[in-house]
PDB file of N, CA and C in Angstrom:
ATOM      1  N   MET A   1      11.840 -59.478  29.841  1.00  0.00           N
ATOM      2  CA  MET A   1      11.761 -60.097  31.148  1.00  0.00           C
ATOM      3  C   MET A   1      10.746 -59.328  31.995  1.00  0.00           C
ATOM      4  N   PRO A   2       9.829 -60.027  32.645  1.00  0.00           N
ATOM      5  CA  PRO A   2       8.810 -59.348  33.451  1.00  0.00           C
ATOM      6  C   PRO A   2       9.408 -58.641  34.669  1.00  0.00           C
ATOM      7  N   LEU A   3       8.732 -57.586  35.085  1.00  0.00           N
ATOM      8  CA  LEU A   3       9.109 -56.839  36.281  1.00  0.00           C
ATOM      9  C   LEU A   3       8.243 -57.305  37.444  1.00  0.00           C
ATOM     10  N   ASN A   4       8.777 -57.236  38.660  1.00  0.00           N
ATOM     11  CA  ASN A   4       8.047 -57.683  39.851  1.00  0.00           C
ATOM     12  C   ASN A   4       8.086 -56.626  40.938  1.00  0.00           C
ATOM     13  N   ALA A   5       7.050 -56.651  41.759  1.00  0.00           N
ATOM     14  CA  ALA A   5       7.003 -55.860  42.981  1.00  0.00           C
ATOM     15  C   ALA A   5       6.409 -56.758  44.063  1.00  0.00           C
ATOM     16  N   HIS A   6       6.875 -56.586  45.294  1.00  0.00           N
ATOM     17  CA  HIS A   6       6.429 -57.435  46.406  1.00  0.00           C
ATOM     18  C   HIS A   6       5.959 -56.568  47.571  1.00  0.00           C
ATOM     19  N   ALA A   7       4.961 -57.082  48.279  1.00  0.00           N
ATOM     20  CA  ALA A   7       4.510 -56.430  49.508  1.00  0.00           C
ATOM     21  C   ALA A   7       4.065 -57.510  50.482  1.00  0.00           C
ATOM     22  N   ASP A   8       4.411 -57.353  51.729  1.00  0.00           N
ATOM     23  CA  ASP A   8       3.966 -58.233  52.806  1.00  0.00           C
ATOM     24  C   ASP A   8       3.106 -57.389  53.738  1.00  0.00           C
ATOM     25  N   VAL A   9       1.849 -57.787  53.864  1.00  0.00           N
ATOM     26  CA  VAL A   9       0.892 -57.023  54.656  1.00  0.00           C
ATOM     27  C   VAL A   9       0.546 -57.826  55.911  1.00  0.00           C
ATOM     28  N   ALA A  10       0.880 -57.268  57.061  1.00  0.00           N
ATOM     29  CA  ALA A  10       0.597 -57.933  58.335  1.00  0.00           C
ATOM     30  C   ALA A  10      -0.891 -57.823  58.646  1.00  0.00           C
ATOM     31  N   THR A  11      -1.516 -58.972  58.917  1.00  0.00           N
ATOM     32  CA  THR A  11      -2.921 -59.015  59.288  1.00  0.00           C
ATOM     33  C   THR A  11      -3.214 -60.348  59.971  1.00  0.00           C
ATOM     34  N   ALA A  12      -4.131 -60.329  60.898  1.00  0.00           N
ATOM     35  CA  ALA A  12      -4.508 -61.561  61.598  1.00  0.00           C
ATOM     36  C   ALA A  12      -5.334 -62.486  60.704  1.00  0.00           C
ATOM     37  N   THR A  13      -5.882 -61.937  59.601  1.00  0.00           N
ATOM     38  CA  THR A  13      -6.761 -62.720  58.725  1.00  0.00           C
ATOM     39  C   THR A  13      -6.359 -62.598  57.252  1.00  0.00           C
ATOM     40  N   PRO A  14      -5.166 -63.060  56.892  1.00  0.00           N
ATOM     41  CA  PRO A  14      -4.718 -62.893  55.508  1.00  0.00           C
ATOM     42  C   PRO A  14      -5.600 -63.620  54.488  1.00  0.00           C
ATOM     43  N   GLU A  15      -6.092 -64.804  54.838  1.00  0.00           N
ATOM     44  CA  GLU A  15      -6.918 -65.566  53.894  1.00  0.00           C
ATOM     45  C   GLU A  15      -8.213 -64.821  53.588  1.00  0.00           C
ATOM     46  N   ARG A  16      -8.800 -64.207  54.597  1.00  0.00           N
ATOM     47  CA  ARG A  16     -10.054 -63.472  54.410  1.00  0.00           C
ATOM     48  C   ARG A  16      -9.853 -62.289  53.475  1.00  0.00           C
ATOM     49  N   TYR A  17      -8.759 -61.555  53.656  1.00  0.00           N
ATOM     50  CA  TYR A  17      -8.498 -60.417  52.780  1.00  0.00           C
ATOM     51  C   TYR A  17      -8.196 -60.860  51.356  1.00  0.00           C
ATOM     52  N   ALA A  18      -7.482 -61.958  51.200  1.00  0.00           N
ATOM     53  CA  ALA A  18      -7.204 -62.470  49.852  1.00  0.00           C
ATOM     54  C   ALA A  18      -8.507 -62.851  49.149  1.00  0.00           C
ATOM     55  N   LYS A  19      -9.376 -63.524  49.864  1.00  0.00           N
ATOM     56  CA  LYS A  19     -10.665 -63.939  49.295  1.00  0.00           C
ATOM     57  C   LYS A  19     -11.518 -62.723  48.939  1.00  0.00           C
ATOM     58  N   GLN A  20     -11.576 -61.747  49.833  1.00  0.00           N
ATOM     59  CA  GLN A  20     -12.374 -60.550  49.596  1.00  0.00           C
ATOM     60  C   GLN A  20     -11.845 -59.765  48.398  1.00  0.00           C
ATOM     61  N   LEU A  21     -10.533 -59.618  48.317  1.00  0.00           N
ATOM     62  CA  LEU A  21      -9.920 -58.884  47.217  1.00  0.00           C
ATOM     63  C   LEU A  21     -10.172 -59.583  45.885  1.00  0.00           C
ATOM     64  N   ALA A  22      -9.995 -60.895  45.851  1.00  0.00           N
ATOM     65  CA  ALA A  22     -10.236 -61.659  44.619  1.00  0.00           C
ATOM     66  C   ALA A  22     -11.697 -61.586  44.214  1.00  0.00           C
ATOM     67  N   SER A  23     -12.586 -61.695  45.165  1.00  0.00           N
ATOM     68  CA  SER A  23     -14.013 -61.626  44.863  1.00  0.00           C
ATOM     69  C   SER A  23     -14.380 -60.264  44.287  1.00  0.00           C
ATOM     70  N   HIS A  24     -13.882 -59.214  44.890  1.00  0.00           N
ATOM     71  CA  HIS A  24     -14.198 -57.860  44.430  1.00  0.00           C
ATOM     72  C   HIS A  24     -13.611 -57.587  43.049  1.00  0.00           C
ATOM     73  N   LEU A  25     -12.331 -57.898  42.865  1.00  0.00           N
ATOM     74  CA  LEU A  25     -11.683 -57.614  41.582  1.00  0.00           C
ATOM     75  C   LEU A  25     -12.096 -58.600  40.493  1.00  0.00           C
ATOM     76  N   GLY A  26     -12.695 -59.720  40.887  1.00  0.00           N
ATOM     77  CA  GLY A  26     -13.150 -60.710  39.921  1.00  0.00           C
ATOM     78  C   GLY A  26     -14.218 -60.206  38.977  1.00  0.00           C
ATOM     79  N   ARG A  27     -14.823 -59.078  39.293  1.00  0.00           N
ATOM     80  CA  ARG A  27     -15.816 -58.487  38.402  1.00  0.00           C
ATOM     81  C   ARG A  27     -15.159 -57.920  37.148  1.00  0.00           C
ATOM     82  N   LYS A  28     -13.890 -57.513  37.273  1.00  0.00           N
ATOM     83  CA  LYS A  28     -13.191 -56.881  36.152  1.00  0.00           C
ATOM     84  C   LYS A  28     -11.910 -57.599  35.750  1.00  0.00           C
ATOM     85  N   ALA A  29     -11.563 -58.631  36.499  1.00  0.00           N
ATOM     86  CA  ALA A  29     -10.308 -59.346  36.241  1.00  0.00           C
ATOM     87  C   ALA A  29     -10.563 -60.840  36.287  1.00  0.00           C
ATOM     88  N   GLU A  30      -9.634 -61.585  35.722  1.00  0.00           N
ATOM     89  CA  GLU A  30      -9.694 -63.050  35.808  1.00  0.00           C
ATOM     90  C   GLU A  30      -9.073 -63.469  37.136  1.00  0.00           C
ATOM     91  N   ILE A  31      -9.705 -64.402  37.811  1.00  0.00           N
ATOM     92  CA  ILE A  31      -9.197 -64.920  39.078  1.00  0.00           C
ATOM     93  C   ILE A  31      -8.822 -66.379  38.866  1.00  0.00           C
ATOM     94  N   ARG A  32      -7.592 -66.728  39.199  1.00  0.00           N
ATOM     95  CA  ARG A  32      -7.110 -68.105  39.048  1.00  0.00           C
ATOM     96  C   ARG A  32      -6.722 -68.669  40.408  1.00  0.00           C
ATOM     97  N   GLU A  33      -7.342 -69.778  40.772  1.00  0.00           N
ATOM     98  CA  GLU A  33      -6.949 -70.506  41.979  1.00  0.00           C
ATOM     99  C   GLU A  33      -5.747 -71.367  41.601  1.00  0.00           C
ATOM    100  N   GLU A  34      -4.632 -71.198  42.302  1.00  0.00           N
ATOM    101  CA  GLU A  34      -3.415 -71.953  42.030  1.00  0.00           C
ATOM    102  C   GLU A  34      -2.966 -72.654  43.308  1.00  0.00           C
ATOM    103  N   ASP A  35      -2.048 -73.593  43.168  1.00  0.00           N
ATOM    104  CA  ASP A  35      -1.518 -74.283  44.343  1.00  0.00           C
ATOM    105  C   ASP A  35      -0.887 -73.296  45.325  1.00  0.00           C
ATOM    106  N   ALA A  36      -0.218 -72.290  44.791  1.00  0.00           N
ATOM    107  CA  ALA A  36       0.485 -71.327  45.643  1.00  0.00           C
ATOM    108  C   ALA A  36      -0.450 -70.308  46.283  1.00  0.00           C
ATOM    109  N   GLY A  37      -1.595 -70.047  45.655  1.00  0.00           N
ATOM    110  CA  GLY A  37      -2.507 -69.027  46.171  1.00  0.00           C
ATOM    111  C   GLY A  37      -3.529 -68.635  45.126  1.00  0.00           C
ATOM    112  N   VAL A  38      -3.915 -67.387  45.152  1.00  0.00           N
ATOM    113  CA  VAL A  38      -4.894 -66.850  44.208  1.00  0.00           C
ATOM    114  C   VAL A  38      -4.201 -65.807  43.354  1.00  0.00           C
ATOM    115  N   ARG A  39      -4.386 -65.892  42.036  1.00  0.00           N
ATOM    116  CA  ARG A  39      -3.780 -64.934  41.116  1.00  0.00           C
ATOM    117  C   ARG A  39      -4.880 -64.060  40.518  1.00  0.00           C
ATOM    118  N   ILE A  40      -4.698 -62.756  40.622  1.00  0.00           N
ATOM    119  CA  ILE A  40      -5.592 -61.784  40.002  1.00  0.00           C
ATOM    120  C   ILE A  40      -4.925 -61.347  38.704  1.00  0.00           C
ATOM    121  N   VAL A  41      -5.597 -61.606  37.581  1.00  0.00           N
ATOM    122  CA  VAL A  41      -5.018 -61.305  36.276  1.00  0.00           C
ATOM    123  C   VAL A  41      -5.724 -60.091  35.683  1.00  0.00           C
ATOM    124  N   LEU A  42      -4.991 -59.005  35.541  1.00  0.00           N
ATOM    125  CA  LEU A  42      -5.475 -57.783  34.903  1.00  0.00           C
ATOM    126  C   LEU A  42      -4.948 -57.749  33.472  1.00  0.00           C
ATOM    127  N   THR A  43      -5.409 -56.825  32.674  1.00  0.00           N
ATOM    128  CA  THR A  43      -4.961 -56.765  31.279  1.00  0.00           C
ATOM    129  C   THR A  43      -3.480 -56.421  31.154  1.00  0.00           C
ATOM    130  N   VAL A  44      -2.917 -55.708  32.139  1.00  0.00           N
ATOM    131  CA  VAL A  44      -1.525 -55.254  32.054  1.00  0.00           C
ATOM    132  C   VAL A  44      -0.548 -56.053  32.893  1.00  0.00           C
ATOM    133  N   GLY A  45      -1.064 -56.994  33.687  1.00  0.00           N
ATOM    134  CA  GLY A  45      -0.198 -57.789  34.551  1.00  0.00           C
ATOM    135  C   GLY A  45      -1.035 -58.586  35.531  1.00  0.00           C
ATOM    136  N   ASP A  46      -0.397 -59.119  36.557  1.00  0.00           N
ATOM    137  CA  ASP A  46      -1.129 -59.930  37.532  1.00  0.00           C
ATOM    138  C   ASP A  46      -0.523 -59.783  38.914  1.00  0.00           C
ATOM    139  N   CYS A  47      -1.239 -60.318  39.897  1.00  0.00           N
ATOM    140  CA  CYS A  47      -0.757 -60.297  41.273  1.00  0.00           C
ATOM    141  C   CYS A  47      -1.122 -61.614  41.938  1.00  0.00           C
ATOM    142  N   LEU A  48      -0.119 -62.288  42.489  1.00  0.00           N
ATOM    143  CA  LEU A  48      -0.318 -63.528  43.228  1.00  0.00           C
ATOM    144  C   LEU A  48      -0.466 -63.197  44.710  1.00  0.00           C
ATOM    145  N   LEU A  49      -1.550 -63.694  45.313  1.00  0.00           N
ATOM    146  CA  LEU A  49      -1.820 -63.497  46.732  1.00  0.00           C
ATOM    147  C   LEU A  49      -1.574 -64.813  47.444  1.00  0.00           C
ATOM    148  N   THR A  50      -0.669 -64.822  48.404  1.00  0.00           N
ATOM    149  CA  THR A  50      -0.412 -66.019  49.202  1.00  0.00           C
ATOM    150  C   THR A  50      -0.483 -65.642  50.677  1.00  0.00           C
ATOM    151  N   SER A  51      -0.882 -66.588  51.484  1.00  0.00           N
ATOM    152  CA  SER A  51      -1.061 -66.328  52.909  1.00  0.00           C
ATOM    153  C   SER A  51      -0.172 -67.234  53.747  1.00  0.00           C
ATOM    154  N   THR A  52       0.417 -66.644  54.762  1.00  0.00           N
ATOM    155  CA  THR A  52       1.093 -67.406  55.801  1.00  0.00           C
ATOM    156  C   THR A  52       0.545 -66.881  57.123  1.00  0.00           C
ATOM    157  N   ASP A  53       0.982 -67.429  58.198  1.00  0.00           N
ATOM    158  CA  ASP A  53       0.469 -67.047  59.506  1.00  0.00           C
ATOM    159  C   ASP A  53       0.705 -65.558  59.760  1.00  0.00           C
ATOM    160  N   GLY A  54      -0.362 -64.772  59.710  1.00  0.00           N
ATOM    161  CA  GLY A  54      -0.276 -63.361  60.028  1.00  0.00           C
ATOM    162  C   GLY A  54       0.211 -62.443  58.927  1.00  0.00           C
ATOM    163  N   VAL A  55       0.399 -62.968  57.704  1.00  0.00           N
ATOM    164  CA  VAL A  55       0.905 -62.127  56.619  1.00  0.00           C
ATOM    165  C   VAL A  55       0.226 -62.500  55.300  1.00  0.00           C
ATOM    166  N   LEU A  56      -0.216 -61.457  54.583  1.00  0.00           N
ATOM    167  CA  LEU A  56      -0.692 -61.630  53.210  1.00  0.00           C
ATOM    168  C   LEU A  56       0.435 -61.168  52.294  1.00  0.00           C
ATOM    169  N   HIS A  57       0.957 -62.085  51.483  1.00  0.00           N
ATOM    170  CA  HIS A  57       2.059 -61.790  50.575  1.00  0.00           C
ATOM    171  C   HIS A  57       1.485 -61.458  49.207  1.00  0.00           C
ATOM    172  N   LEU A  58       1.950 -60.350  48.629  1.00  0.00           N
ATOM    173  CA  LEU A  58       1.512 -59.918  47.311  1.00  0.00           C
ATOM    174  C   LEU A  58       2.720 -59.892  46.384  1.00  0.00           C
ATOM    175  N   THR A  59       2.587 -60.517  45.216  1.00  0.00           N
ATOM    176  CA  THR A  59       3.643 -60.464  44.211  1.00  0.00           C
ATOM    177  C   THR A  59       3.023 -60.022  42.899  1.00  0.00           C
ATOM    178  N   ALA A  60       3.325 -58.791  42.508  1.00  0.00           N
ATOM    179  CA  ALA A  60       2.791 -58.212  41.274  1.00  0.00           C
ATOM    180  C   ALA A  60       3.804 -58.408  40.155  1.00  0.00           C
ATOM    181  N   THR A  61       3.293 -58.682  38.952  1.00  0.00           N
ATOM    182  CA  THR A  61       4.144 -58.913  37.788  1.00  0.00           C
ATOM    183  C   THR A  61       3.541 -58.207  36.579  1.00  0.00           C
ATOM    184  N   ALA A  62       4.405 -57.573  35.781  1.00  0.00           N
ATOM    185  CA  ALA A  62       3.973 -56.935  34.539  1.00  0.00           C
ATOM    186  C   ALA A  62       5.163 -56.863  33.590  1.00  0.00           C
ATOM    187  N   GLU A  63       4.875 -56.572  32.344  1.00  0.00           N
ATOM    188  CA  GLU A  63       5.937 -56.509  31.325  1.00  0.00           C
ATOM    189  C   GLU A  63       6.698 -55.191  31.336  1.00  0.00           C
ATOM    190  N   ASP A  64       6.098 -54.127  31.884  1.00  0.00           N
ATOM    191  CA  ASP A  64       6.767 -52.827  31.894  1.00  0.00           C
ATOM    192  C   ASP A  64       6.387 -52.042  33.152  1.00  0.00           C
ATOM    193  N   ASP A  65       7.072 -50.923  33.363  1.00  0.00           N
ATOM    194  CA  ASP A  65       6.838 -50.106  34.559  1.00  0.00           C
ATOM    195  C   ASP A  65       5.403 -49.600  34.635  1.00  0.00           C
ATOM    196  N   ALA A  66       4.855 -49.176  33.502  1.00  0.00           N
ATOM    197  CA  ALA A  66       3.492 -48.644  33.501  1.00  0.00           C
ATOM    198  C   ALA A  66       2.489 -49.717  33.927  1.00  0.00           C
ATOM    199  N   GLY A  67       2.649 -50.919  33.417  1.00  0.00           N
ATOM    200  CA  GLY A  67       1.765 -52.017  33.791  1.00  0.00           C
ATOM    201  C   GLY A  67       1.914 -52.377  35.258  1.00  0.00           C
ATOM    202  N   LEU A  68       3.152 -52.397  35.748  1.00  0.00           N
ATOM    203  CA  LEU A  68       3.400 -52.720  37.151  1.00  0.00           C
ATOM    204  C   LEU A  68       2.797 -51.646  38.058  1.00  0.00           C
ATOM    205  N   ASP A  69       2.870 -50.389  37.625  1.00  0.00           N
ATOM    206  CA  ASP A  69       2.250 -49.305  38.391  1.00  0.00           C
ATOM    207  C   ASP A  69       0.743 -49.511  38.504  1.00  0.00           C
ATOM    208  N   VAL A  70       0.099 -49.941  37.424  1.00  0.00           N
ATOM    209  CA  VAL A  70      -1.345 -50.172  37.442  1.00  0.00           C
ATOM    210  C   VAL A  70      -1.689 -51.318  38.387  1.00  0.00           C
ATOM    211  N   VAL A  71      -0.971 -52.434  38.269  1.00  0.00           N
ATOM    212  CA  VAL A  71      -1.259 -53.604  39.111  1.00  0.00           C
ATOM    213  C   VAL A  71      -1.074 -53.260  40.583  1.00  0.00           C
ATOM    214  N   THR A  72       0.039 -52.638  40.935  1.00  0.00           N
ATOM    215  CA  THR A  72       0.295 -52.323  42.340  1.00  0.00           C
ATOM    216  C   THR A  72      -0.708 -51.300  42.870  1.00  0.00           C
ATOM    217  N   ASP A  73      -1.107 -50.347  42.034  1.00  0.00           N
ATOM    218  CA  ASP A  73      -2.092 -49.355  42.461  1.00  0.00           C
ATOM    219  C   ASP A  73      -3.447 -50.001  42.717  1.00  0.00           C
ATOM    220  N   VAL A  74      -3.927 -50.777  41.757  1.00  0.00           N
ATOM    221  CA  VAL A  74      -5.252 -51.393  41.883  1.00  0.00           C
ATOM    222  C   VAL A  74      -5.310 -52.324  43.087  1.00  0.00           C
ATOM    223  N   VAL A  75      -4.359 -53.243  43.190  1.00  0.00           N
ATOM    224  CA  VAL A  75      -4.368 -54.217  44.280  1.00  0.00           C
ATOM    225  C   VAL A  75      -4.148 -53.528  45.627  1.00  0.00           C
ATOM    226  N   GLY A  76      -3.159 -52.666  45.702  1.00  0.00           N
ATOM    227  CA  GLY A  76      -2.852 -51.989  46.959  1.00  0.00           C
ATOM    228  C   GLY A  76      -3.972 -51.092  47.440  1.00  0.00           C
ATOM    229  N   ARG A  77      -4.545 -50.306  46.543  1.00  0.00           N
ATOM    230  CA  ARG A  77      -5.612 -49.373  46.911  1.00  0.00           C
ATOM    231  C   ARG A  77      -6.845 -50.101  47.426  1.00  0.00           C
ATOM    232  N   HIS A  78      -7.248 -51.164  46.717  1.00  0.00           N
ATOM    233  CA  HIS A  78      -8.423 -51.907  47.150  1.00  0.00           C
ATOM    234  C   HIS A  78      -8.177 -52.620  48.484  1.00  0.00           C
ATOM    235  N   LEU A  79      -7.016 -53.226  48.640  1.00  0.00           N
ATOM    236  CA  LEU A  79      -6.723 -53.921  49.894  1.00  0.00           C
ATOM    237  C   LEU A  79      -6.712 -52.946  51.072  1.00  0.00           C
ATOM    238  N   GLU A  80      -6.103 -51.789  50.895  1.00  0.00           N
ATOM    239  CA  GLU A  80      -6.079 -50.800  51.971  1.00  0.00           C
ATOM    240  C   GLU A  80      -7.492 -50.315  52.308  1.00  0.00           C
ATOM    241  N   ARG A  81      -8.330 -50.175  51.295  1.00  0.00           N
ATOM    242  CA  ARG A  81      -9.705 -49.753  51.555  1.00  0.00           C
ATOM    243  C   ARG A  81     -10.456 -50.819  52.349  1.00  0.00           C
ATOM    244  N   PHE A  82     -10.295 -52.102  51.963  1.00  0.00           N
ATOM    245  CA  PHE A  82     -10.962 -53.185  52.696  1.00  0.00           C
ATOM    246  C   PHE A  82     -10.448 -53.282  54.128  1.00  0.00           C
ATOM    247  N   GLY A  83      -9.174 -53.009  54.316  1.00  0.00           N
ATOM    248  CA  GLY A  83      -8.562 -53.157  55.633  1.00  0.00           C
ATOM    249  C   GLY A  83      -8.433 -51.859  56.403  1.00  0.00           C
ATOM    250  N   GLN A  84      -9.215 -50.869  56.025  1.00  0.00           N
ATOM    251  CA  GLN A  84      -9.109 -49.552  56.660  1.00  0.00           C
ATOM    252  C   GLN A  84      -9.319 -49.614  58.168  1.00  0.00           C
ATOM    253  N   ARG A  85     -10.284 -50.384  58.627  1.00  0.00           N
ATOM    254  CA  ARG A  85     -10.544 -50.498  60.075  1.00  0.00           C
ATOM    255  C   ARG A  85      -9.340 -51.060  60.824  1.00  0.00           C
ATOM    256  N   ASN A  86      -8.650 -51.991  60.178  1.00  0.00           N
ATOM    257  CA  ASN A  86      -7.489 -52.625  60.813  1.00  0.00           C
ATOM    258  C   ASN A  86      -6.179 -51.931  60.433  1.00  0.00           C
ATOM    259  N   GLU A  87      -6.293 -50.793  59.782  1.00  0.00           N
ATOM    260  CA  GLU A  87      -5.143 -49.981  59.395  1.00  0.00           C
ATOM    261  C   GLU A  87      -4.118 -50.738  58.564  1.00  0.00           C
ATOM    262  N   LEU A  88      -4.620 -51.520  57.601  1.00  0.00           N
ATOM    263  CA  LEU A  88      -3.704 -52.231  56.701  1.00  0.00           C
ATOM    264  C   LEU A  88      -2.970 -51.232  55.828  1.00  0.00           C
ATOM    265  N   VAL A  89      -1.686 -51.469  55.639  1.00  0.00           N
ATOM    266  CA  VAL A  89      -0.852 -50.620  54.787  1.00  0.00           C
ATOM    267  C   VAL A  89      -0.103 -51.536  53.825  1.00  0.00           C
ATOM    268  N   VAL A  90      -0.168 -51.175  52.538  1.00  0.00           N
ATOM    269  CA  VAL A  90       0.541 -51.938  51.516  1.00  0.00           C
ATOM    270  C   VAL A  90       1.739 -51.097  51.059  1.00  0.00           C
ATOM    271  N   THR A  91       2.938 -51.613  51.302  1.00  0.00           N
ATOM    272  CA  THR A  91       4.160 -50.939  50.876  1.00  0.00           C
ATOM    273  C   THR A  91       4.893 -51.861  49.905  1.00  0.00           C
ATOM    274  N   TRP A  92       4.940 -51.440  48.660  1.00  0.00           N
ATOM    275  CA  TRP A  92       5.550 -52.257  47.605  1.00  0.00           C
ATOM    276  C   TRP A  92       7.049 -52.021  47.543  1.00  0.00           C
ATOM    277  N   SER A  93       7.798 -53.066  47.242  1.00  0.00           N
ATOM    278  CA  SER A  93       9.221 -52.947  46.947  1.00  0.00           C
ATOM    279  C   SER A  93       9.463 -53.613  45.600  1.00  0.00           C
ATOM    280  N   ARG A  94      10.335 -53.016  44.828  1.00  0.00           N
ATOM    281  CA  ARG A  94      10.621 -53.515  43.475  1.00  0.00           C
ATOM    282  C   ARG A  94      12.019 -54.061  43.416  1.00  0.00           C
TER     283      ARG A  94
END
């Protein structure tokens, strides 16, 4: 059974950050446009990015703890770097 981690990141521009993150990680990962949002597919797992008013929702999925650690690290680290000016913080819960 796959493992999941979730993070809700408050931002006035969630769609912009989702697009920027997918574009950047698309160089090394598969990007899938889905009805629910954008999915970033890494070799060890994936992360679904969905946007609502003022919040970017992240749902990471992997088959094991090590894979989930990689997905949450890659997605969280890059998003925080892009949102450094706006002090974005990604806090994952499992």
